[in-house]
Protein backbone atom coordinates (compact mmCIF):
# COMPACT_ATOMS: atom_id res chain seq x y z
CA MET A 1 -5.86 -45.99 31.35
CA PRO A 2 -9.46 -46.87 30.36
CA MET A 3 -10.65 -45.51 27.05
CA SER A 4 -13.91 -43.57 26.58
CA PRO A 5 -15.15 -44.17 23.03
CA LEU A 6 -16.73 -41.20 21.26
CA ASP A 7 -18.57 -41.34 17.99
CA SER A 8 -17.89 -38.79 15.27
CA GLU A 9 -20.70 -36.45 16.24
CA GLU A 10 -19.69 -36.43 19.89
CA GLN A 11 -16.11 -35.55 18.96
CA LEU A 12 -17.22 -32.69 16.72
CA SER A 13 -19.65 -31.44 19.35
CA LEU A 14 -16.91 -31.37 21.99
CA ALA A 15 -14.48 -29.61 19.66
CA ARG A 16 -17.08 -26.96 18.76
CA SER A 17 -17.87 -26.47 22.44
CA VAL A 18 -14.22 -25.75 23.26
CA LEU A 19 -13.90 -23.30 20.38
CA SER A 20 -17.15 -21.60 21.34
CA ILE A 21 -15.98 -21.14 24.93
CA GLU A 22 -12.63 -19.76 23.79
CA SER A 23 -14.39 -17.44 21.34
CA ARG A 24 -16.66 -16.12 24.09
CA THR A 25 -13.63 -15.62 26.33
CA ILE A 26 -11.93 -13.45 23.72
CA GLN A 27 -15.17 -11.50 23.25
CA ALA A 28 -15.41 -11.02 27.01
CA VAL A 29 -11.81 -9.76 27.10
CA SER A 30 -12.64 -7.29 24.33
CA GLU A 31 -15.70 -5.99 26.16
CA SER A 32 -13.78 -5.64 29.44
CA LEU A 33 -11.11 -3.31 28.03
CA GLY A 34 -11.12 0.11 29.61
CA GLU A 35 -9.09 2.50 31.72
CA ASP A 36 -6.83 -0.20 33.21
CA PHE A 37 -5.91 -1.42 29.73
CA LEU A 38 -5.05 2.13 28.64
CA ARG A 39 -2.94 2.66 31.76
CA ALA A 40 -1.12 -0.64 31.18
CA ALA A 41 -0.47 0.23 27.54
CA ASP A 42 0.85 3.64 28.58
CA LEU A 43 3.12 2.08 31.21
CA LEU A 44 4.60 -0.31 28.63
CA PHE A 45 4.93 2.49 26.08
CA GLN A 46 6.76 4.76 28.53
CA CYS A 47 9.06 1.93 29.69
CA LYS A 48 12.70 2.96 29.21
CA GLY A 49 14.00 -0.57 29.73
CA ARG A 50 12.45 -3.90 28.77
CA VAL A 51 9.06 -5.45 29.28
CA VAL A 52 9.93 -8.57 31.28
CA VAL A 53 7.23 -11.21 30.86
CA THR A 54 7.01 -14.01 33.40
CA GLY A 55 4.70 -16.97 33.87
CA MET A 56 4.83 -20.58 35.02
CA GLY A 57 3.70 -23.69 33.15
CA LYS A 58 1.21 -22.99 30.36
CA SER A 59 1.17 -19.31 31.31
CA GLY A 60 4.94 -19.33 30.79
CA ILE A 61 4.49 -20.67 27.27
CA ILE A 62 1.97 -17.91 26.52
CA GLY A 63 4.34 -15.41 28.16
CA ARG A 64 7.17 -16.40 25.85
CA LYS A 65 4.94 -15.78 22.86
CA ILE A 66 3.84 -12.37 24.16
CA ALA A 67 7.48 -11.42 24.85
CA ALA A 68 8.46 -12.54 21.36
CA THR A 69 5.64 -10.53 19.76
CA LEU A 70 6.54 -7.41 21.73
CA ALA A 71 10.24 -7.73 20.90
CA SER A 72 9.60 -8.19 17.18
CA THR A 73 7.25 -5.22 16.96
CA GLY A 74 9.33 -2.48 18.54
CA THR A 75 8.97 -3.02 22.30
CA PRO A 76 12.18 -4.45 23.86
CA SER A 77 11.09 -7.53 25.79
CA LEU A 78 12.32 -10.78 27.27
CA HIS A 79 10.86 -13.78 29.07
CA LEU A 80 11.94 -14.51 32.64
CA HIS A 81 11.27 -17.97 34.08
CA PRO A 82 9.93 -17.32 37.61
CA ALA A 83 11.57 -20.37 39.16
CA GLU A 84 14.97 -19.55 37.64
CA ALA A 85 14.56 -15.91 38.70
CA ALA A 86 14.95 -16.84 42.36
CA HIS A 87 18.21 -18.63 41.53
CA GLY A 88 20.07 -15.74 39.96
CA ASP A 89 18.04 -14.69 36.92
CA LEU A 90 16.64 -11.73 38.85
CA GLY A 91 19.89 -10.13 37.70
CA MET A 92 18.18 -9.70 34.32
CA LEU A 93 15.92 -7.05 35.85
CA ARG A 94 16.78 -3.37 35.78
CA GLY A 95 15.10 -0.51 37.56
CA ASP A 96 13.68 0.92 34.33
CA ASP A 97 11.98 -2.37 33.35
CA VAL A 98 8.31 -3.27 33.67
CA VAL A 99 7.22 -6.79 34.66
CA LEU A 100 4.21 -8.39 32.99
CA ALA A 101 3.20 -11.38 35.15
CA LEU A 102 0.83 -14.07 33.85
CA SER A 103 -1.06 -16.35 36.22
CA ALA A 104 -4.56 -17.68 35.58
CA THR A 105 -5.29 -18.15 39.29
CA GLY A 106 -3.17 -15.26 40.46
CA GLU A 107 -1.77 -17.58 43.13
CA THR A 108 1.22 -19.09 41.33
CA GLU A 109 3.75 -19.65 44.11
CA GLU A 110 6.87 -19.04 42.00
CA ILE A 111 5.55 -15.63 40.92
CA LEU A 112 4.35 -14.58 44.37
CA ARG A 113 7.85 -15.27 45.70
CA LEU A 114 9.21 -12.62 43.32
CA LEU A 115 6.96 -9.82 44.55
CA PRO A 116 9.17 -8.64 47.47
CA PHE A 117 12.15 -8.40 45.14
CA LEU A 118 10.16 -6.43 42.55
CA ARG A 119 9.16 -3.99 45.27
CA LEU A 120 12.78 -3.75 46.40
CA LEU A 121 13.87 -2.95 42.84
CA ALA A 122 10.90 -0.58 42.41
CA VAL A 123 9.95 -2.34 39.18
CA PRO A 124 6.30 -1.72 38.14
CA LEU A 125 4.17 -4.88 37.97
CA VAL A 126 1.28 -5.52 35.57
CA ALA A 127 -0.69 -8.72 36.28
CA LEU A 128 -2.72 -10.72 33.75
CA VAL A 129 -5.08 -12.98 35.70
CA THR A 130 -8.56 -14.50 35.57
CA ARG A 131 -9.30 -13.78 39.25
CA PRO A 132 -9.34 -10.09 40.21
CA GLU A 133 -9.51 -10.98 43.93
CA SER A 134 -6.30 -13.07 43.78
CA THR A 135 -3.08 -12.25 45.64
CA LEU A 136 -1.20 -11.30 42.47
CA ALA A 137 -4.01 -9.03 41.31
CA ARG A 138 -4.19 -7.23 44.67
CA ARG A 139 -0.43 -6.69 44.90
CA ALA A 140 0.18 -5.59 41.31
CA ASP A 141 0.40 -1.95 40.26
CA LEU A 142 -2.07 -2.68 37.47
CA THR A 143 -4.25 -5.70 36.79
CA LEU A 144 -5.79 -6.85 33.52
CA VAL A 145 -8.45 -9.52 33.95
CA VAL A 146 -9.35 -12.27 31.50
CA PRO A 147 -13.05 -12.99 32.23
CA LEU A 148 -13.46 -16.76 32.34
CA GLU A 149 -16.69 -18.78 32.36
CA SER A 150 -14.82 -22.10 32.13
CA GLU A 151 -11.66 -23.49 30.58
CA GLY A 152 -13.46 -25.58 27.97
CA CYS A 153 -11.48 -28.61 29.06
CA PRO A 154 -13.80 -31.64 29.57
CA LEU A 155 -12.51 -31.76 33.16
CA ASP A 156 -12.34 -27.95 33.46
CA LEU A 157 -8.74 -28.41 34.60
CA ALA A 158 -6.33 -27.97 31.71
CA PRO A 159 -5.75 -24.31 30.74
CA MET A 160 -7.52 -23.68 27.44
CA ALA A 161 -9.78 -20.62 27.39
CA SER A 162 -7.63 -18.84 29.99
CA THR A 163 -4.47 -19.15 27.91
CA THR A 164 -6.34 -18.21 24.73
CA GLY A 165 -7.75 -15.09 26.39
CA THR A 166 -4.38 -14.14 27.87
CA LEU A 167 -2.65 -14.57 24.51
CA ALA A 168 -5.29 -12.40 22.82
CA LEU A 169 -4.87 -9.73 25.50
CA GLY A 170 -1.11 -9.76 24.91
CA ASP A 171 -1.71 -9.34 21.18
CA ALA A 172 -4.03 -6.41 21.88
CA LEU A 173 -1.33 -4.69 23.93
CA SER A 174 1.26 -5.37 21.22
CA ALA A 175 -0.99 -3.92 18.51
CA VAL A 176 -1.62 -0.72 20.47
CA LEU A 177 2.10 -0.29 21.17
CA MET A 178 2.96 -0.86 17.50
CA LYS A 179 0.54 1.87 16.47
CA ARG A 180 1.74 4.30 19.14
CA ARG A 181 5.35 3.73 18.07
CA ALA A 182 4.40 4.29 14.40
CA PHE A 183 5.98 0.91 13.70
CA LYS A 184 6.27 0.42 9.91
CA PRO A 185 6.74 -2.60 7.64
CA GLU A 186 10.35 -1.48 7.16
CA ASP A 187 10.89 -1.65 10.93
CA PHE A 188 9.32 -5.11 11.04
CA ALA A 189 11.66 -6.23 8.29
CA LEU A 190 14.70 -5.15 10.30
CA TYR A 191 13.71 -7.59 13.05
CA HIS A 192 12.84 -10.34 10.54
CA PRO A 193 15.68 -10.25 7.98
CA GLN A 194 15.26 -13.92 7.07
CA GLY A 195 11.49 -13.76 6.71
CA SER A 196 9.78 -13.16 3.39
CA LEU A 197 8.89 -9.57 4.34
CA GLY A 198 12.44 -8.93 5.48
CA ARG A 199 13.84 -10.18 2.19
CA ARG A 200 11.38 -8.05 0.23
CA LEU A 201 12.07 -4.85 2.14
CA LEU A 202 15.80 -5.20 2.75
CA THR A 203 17.22 -6.81 -0.40
CA THR A 204 18.32 -4.25 -2.98
CA VAL A 205 19.29 -4.61 -6.60
CA ARG A 206 22.90 -4.02 -5.59
CA ASP A 207 22.77 -7.15 -3.42
CA LEU A 208 21.83 -9.38 -6.35
CA MET A 209 23.18 -7.73 -9.48
CA ILE A 210 26.04 -9.08 -11.57
CA SER A 211 28.87 -6.60 -11.98
CA GLY A 212 32.58 -6.19 -12.67
CA HIS A 213 34.38 -8.51 -15.06
CA HIS A 214 31.40 -10.90 -15.09
CA LEU A 215 29.30 -8.29 -16.88
CA PRO A 216 28.54 -9.04 -20.58
CA THR A 217 29.21 -5.72 -22.34
CA ALA A 218 30.24 -4.81 -25.86
CA SER A 219 30.50 -1.75 -28.10
CA ARG A 220 28.12 -0.74 -30.91
CA GLU A 221 30.52 -2.07 -33.58
CA THR A 222 31.06 -5.50 -32.01
CA PRO A 223 30.18 -8.18 -34.63
CA MET A 224 27.30 -10.49 -33.78
CA ARG A 225 29.67 -13.43 -33.99
CA ASP A 226 31.54 -12.05 -30.97
CA VAL A 227 28.31 -10.99 -29.28
CA LEU A 228 26.99 -14.55 -29.61
CA HIS A 229 30.20 -15.94 -28.13
CA LEU A 230 29.97 -13.47 -25.22
CA MET A 231 26.35 -14.37 -24.55
CA VAL A 232 27.10 -18.09 -24.55
CA SER A 233 30.21 -17.77 -22.39
CA THR A 234 28.58 -15.60 -19.72
CA ASN A 235 25.23 -17.43 -19.88
CA LEU A 236 23.34 -14.43 -18.49
CA GLY A 237 20.75 -14.11 -21.23
CA ALA A 238 21.82 -10.68 -22.47
CA VAL A 239 24.65 -8.48 -23.68
CA MET A 240 24.63 -4.74 -22.96
CA CYS A 241 25.89 -2.23 -25.47
CA VAL A 242 27.98 0.36 -23.62
CA GLU A 243 29.21 3.70 -24.95
CA THR A 244 32.82 4.83 -24.51
CA ASP A 245 31.72 7.05 -21.62
CA GLY A 246 30.16 4.07 -19.82
CA GLY A 247 26.57 4.97 -20.67
CA LEU A 248 24.02 2.37 -21.76
CA ALA A 249 23.28 2.41 -25.50
CA GLY A 250 21.03 -0.64 -25.60
CA ILE A 251 20.65 -4.30 -24.77
CA LEU A 252 20.46 -7.52 -26.77
CA THR A 253 18.67 -10.38 -25.07
CA ASP A 254 18.68 -14.02 -26.06
CA GLY A 255 15.12 -13.47 -27.35
CA ASP A 256 16.34 -10.65 -29.60
CA LEU A 257 19.13 -12.90 -30.76
CA LYS A 258 16.79 -15.71 -31.77
CA ARG A 259 14.53 -13.36 -33.70
CA LEU A 260 17.53 -11.81 -35.46
CA ILE A 261 18.98 -15.17 -36.48
CA GLU A 262 15.63 -16.13 -37.99
CA ALA A 263 15.20 -12.83 -39.83
CA ARG A 264 18.69 -12.10 -41.15
CA GLN A 265 20.89 -14.44 -43.17
CA ASP A 266 23.81 -12.04 -42.71
CA PHE A 267 23.40 -12.26 -38.94
CA PHE A 268 27.07 -12.97 -38.16
CA ASP A 269 28.19 -9.87 -40.06
CA LEU A 270 25.82 -7.45 -38.30
CA PRO A 271 27.14 -5.05 -35.67
CA LEU A 272 25.56 -5.19 -32.24
CA GLU A 273 23.78 -1.85 -32.64
CA GLU A 274 21.61 -3.20 -35.46
CA GLY A 275 20.03 -5.86 -33.29
CA MET A 276 19.90 -4.34 -29.86
CA THR A 277 16.92 -2.73 -28.11
CA VAL A 278 17.57 0.98 -27.73
CA GLY A 279 16.36 2.69 -24.54
CA PRO A 280 15.60 -0.49 -22.55
CA LYS A 281 14.10 -0.47 -19.09
CA THR A 282 16.71 0.06 -16.39
CA ILE A 283 16.86 0.05 -12.60
CA GLY A 284 19.02 1.78 -9.99
CA ALA A 285 21.37 -0.22 -7.77
CA ASP A 286 19.74 1.02 -4.56
CA ALA A 287 16.20 0.13 -5.64
CA LEU A 288 14.59 -2.84 -3.93
CA ALA A 289 14.95 -6.13 -5.73
CA GLU A 290 11.17 -6.48 -5.46
CA THR A 291 10.82 -3.23 -7.46
CA ALA A 292 13.04 -4.68 -10.17
CA LEU A 293 10.89 -7.81 -10.28
CA ARG A 294 7.70 -5.75 -10.65
CA LYS A 295 9.34 -3.78 -13.45
CA MET A 296 10.21 -7.00 -15.27
CA GLU A 297 6.63 -8.23 -14.92
CA GLU A 298 4.88 -4.98 -15.92
CA ASN A 299 3.87 -6.31 -19.33
CA PRO A 300 2.72 -9.96 -19.05
CA ARG A 301 2.77 -10.29 -22.85
CA GLN A 302 6.33 -9.06 -23.14
CA GLN A 303 7.92 -10.13 -19.88
CA ILE A 304 11.63 -9.42 -19.57
CA THR A 305 14.07 -11.47 -17.53
CA VAL A 306 17.04 -9.10 -17.25
CA LEU A 307 17.41 -5.44 -16.33
CA PRO A 308 20.47 -3.25 -16.82
CA VAL A 309 21.49 -1.51 -13.59
CA VAL A 310 22.57 2.09 -14.09
CA GLY A 311 23.90 4.92 -11.94
CA ASP A 312 22.66 8.48 -11.54
CA LYS A 313 24.34 9.58 -14.76
CA GLY A 314 23.18 6.59 -16.78
CA GLU A 315 26.46 4.71 -16.46
CA VAL A 316 26.27 0.92 -16.50
CA LEU A 317 26.79 -0.65 -13.08
CA GLY A 318 25.53 -4.16 -13.57
CA LEU A 319 22.80 -6.52 -14.65
CA ILE A 320 20.08 -8.14 -12.57
CA ARG A 321 18.19 -11.27 -13.61
CA MET A 322 14.71 -12.41 -12.68
CA HIS A 323 16.26 -15.81 -11.96
CA ASP A 324 18.43 -14.36 -9.18
CA ILE A 325 15.55 -12.39 -7.64
CA LEU A 326 13.33 -15.47 -7.47
CA LYS A 327 16.25 -17.57 -6.20
CA ALA A 328 16.55 -15.08 -3.30
CA LYS A 329 12.88 -15.92 -2.52
CA ILE A 330 11.65 -12.40 -3.16
CA ARG A 331 8.08 -12.46 -4.36
């Protein structure tokens, strides 16, 4: 294949031209929105089944992204390959679904072949096309048009602006549906449990806290010699002083311990209660781990790295460390 050399300025000029055309396409889509868009959004909102997105080639790639966005933001959706549909995958369709068909030309053969079956199943069809006079546009129940001056491709052949405009239109529909469904960050987290937002909104203190026999606890009278041994053996950076009724009396952190060793020669003979912090910050087990982290970081000059976890009556349930929160990638 012969090469066509371009100097730096020609390359940048071409790149800017493509981006400018795509930008104008999105602006044209925005300005074209009206009653048909509202009707399409209402049809998708009222859908009792799934929004089934279909498209061939590059439109299929964009369709998969639109389906994924809808599904992750509260609108049940799936992508149906139009060629596979005619070989059995039409069984995915149900009568309460809505089909969203993407075709830049509106003449994609694989999609047009599906139209009789959609009519037979009485499944509503919304078309996303660039040509309002196309076969798909004329036979759809609703048509949303992506106004297109050109693709931006140097040959005006490869889909560029058309796919960009279609993707943006799909995002616009998704955003409207999210708002109408009152979709909240907590809902988003449920569909993205392994994402950073999911971890922040779903991980509780209970999930990360140390409890049971691993918990470093001692009584008020416990000698510092034993407290030191407990702190070293558990390696959790703190020992909690617990009353006989299970309530929290105070906490001794490794920082407290260092300061006490420096200040008192009789350190080993002191009881725990003389060195501990009385009335420390605490957190509930059902609080979000992110809340615990914010509580630890409230005072930058006196940042704490451990928080006692207490129940409704002040009883000690566990201990949560900043180390474990950050290890869980909650920030």
